């Protein structure tokens, strides 16, 4: 079984990477608006509701901007280290 990597956004204006292995679909970071990320997922044939989890590397806004809305709208669990979660919790309004 192969893995599929697709950078949806990359740069100081926002980062988001889509990774798929089998039926597991992950987003690494969500640094654009929830709508922009959902649209980018749909453009590659991935339904946002099929995302298994959102991994946050760190709490900078170019990595978390759309995390809260994606989690709430599509029921995507957010994973982060304790320190990252504490630094971003009020920004994602989970």
Protein backbone atom coordinates (compact mmCIF):
# COMPACT_ATOMS: atom_id res chain seq x y z
CA UNK A 1 0.00 0.00 0.00
CA UNK A 2 1.42 3.38 -0.97
CA UNK A 3 1.30 6.77 0.70
CA UNK A 4 0.06 9.91 -0.99
CA UNK A 5 1.42 13.34 -0.03
CA UNK A 6 -0.06 16.54 -1.41
CA UNK A 7 0.97 19.99 -0.20
CA UNK A 8 -2.22 22.07 -0.29
CA UNK A 9 -0.47 25.26 0.88
CA UNK A 10 3.12 26.02 1.77
CA UNK A 11 4.73 29.26 2.81
CA UNK A 12 4.63 32.10 5.30
CA UNK A 13 1.01 32.83 4.34
CA UNK A 14 -0.17 29.37 5.39
CA UNK A 15 0.77 25.70 5.49
CA UNK A 16 -1.29 22.57 5.03
CA UNK A 17 -0.20 19.11 3.87
CA UNK A 18 -2.57 16.26 3.00
CA UNK A 19 -1.30 12.71 3.65
CA UNK A 20 -3.13 9.49 2.85
CA UNK A 21 -2.25 5.87 3.55
CA UNK A 22 -5.03 3.42 2.87
CA UNK A 23 -8.22 4.86 4.32
CA UNK A 24 -6.35 7.10 6.79
CA UNK A 25 -6.34 10.72 5.71
CA UNK A 26 -4.47 13.36 7.70
CA UNK A 27 -3.87 17.06 7.45
CA UNK A 28 -0.61 18.35 8.82
CA UNK A 29 -1.25 21.93 9.87
CA UNK A 30 -4.16 24.14 8.81
CA UNK A 31 -2.72 27.57 8.16
CA UNK A 32 -5.37 28.85 5.75
CA UNK A 33 -9.08 29.44 6.29
CA UNK A 34 -11.28 26.41 6.75
CA UNK A 35 -13.05 27.18 3.47
CA UNK A 36 -9.81 27.44 1.53
CA UNK A 37 -8.58 24.11 2.93
CA UNK A 38 -11.93 22.39 2.29
CA UNK A 39 -11.91 23.70 -1.30
CA UNK A 40 -8.30 22.53 -1.78
CA UNK A 41 -9.21 19.07 -0.46
CA UNK A 42 -12.16 18.84 -2.83
CA UNK A 43 -9.92 19.89 -5.73
CA UNK A 44 -7.83 16.75 -5.16
CA UNK A 45 -10.89 14.54 -4.71
CA UNK A 46 -10.78 14.33 -0.91
CA UNK A 47 -13.97 15.05 1.03
CA UNK A 48 -13.15 17.11 4.14
CA UNK A 49 -15.47 14.82 6.14
CA UNK A 50 -13.15 11.91 5.34
CA UNK A 51 -10.14 13.43 7.12
CA UNK A 52 -9.14 11.24 10.08
CA UNK A 53 -7.17 13.82 12.02
CA UNK A 54 -5.40 17.16 12.00
CA UNK A 55 -1.81 17.21 13.27
CA UNK A 56 -0.52 20.61 14.35
CA UNK A 57 3.25 21.06 14.33
CA UNK A 58 3.27 24.34 16.27
CA UNK A 59 0.98 27.21 17.20
CA UNK A 60 1.95 29.93 14.71
CA UNK A 61 -1.04 31.33 12.83
CA UNK A 62 0.29 30.15 9.47
CA UNK A 63 -0.14 26.61 10.86
CA UNK A 64 -3.42 26.87 12.84
CA UNK A 65 -5.67 29.48 11.20
CA UNK A 66 -8.30 27.00 9.94
CA UNK A 67 -7.88 24.28 12.56
CA UNK A 68 -10.82 25.22 14.77
CA UNK A 69 -13.39 25.59 12.02
CA UNK A 70 -12.29 22.37 10.29
CA UNK A 71 -12.49 20.46 13.58
CA UNK A 72 -15.95 21.82 14.40
CA UNK A 73 -17.48 21.70 10.92
CA UNK A 74 -16.21 18.26 9.89
CA UNK A 75 -15.64 16.55 13.25
CA UNK A 76 -11.90 16.26 12.73
CA UNK A 77 -9.89 15.58 15.89
CA UNK A 78 -6.89 17.85 16.47
CA UNK A 79 -3.57 16.37 17.64
CA UNK A 80 -0.74 18.48 19.07
CA UNK A 81 1.80 18.35 21.85
CA UNK A 82 0.57 19.58 25.23
CA UNK A 83 2.65 22.76 24.92
CA UNK A 84 1.37 23.51 21.42
CA UNK A 85 -2.23 22.84 22.45
CA UNK A 86 -1.92 25.17 25.47
CA UNK A 87 -0.48 27.93 23.26
CA UNK A 88 -3.17 27.61 20.58
CA UNK A 89 -6.27 26.51 22.52
CA UNK A 90 -7.86 29.96 22.78
CA UNK A 91 -7.19 30.61 19.06
CA UNK A 92 -8.90 27.44 17.78
CA UNK A 93 -11.87 27.76 20.17
CA UNK A 94 -12.33 23.98 20.23
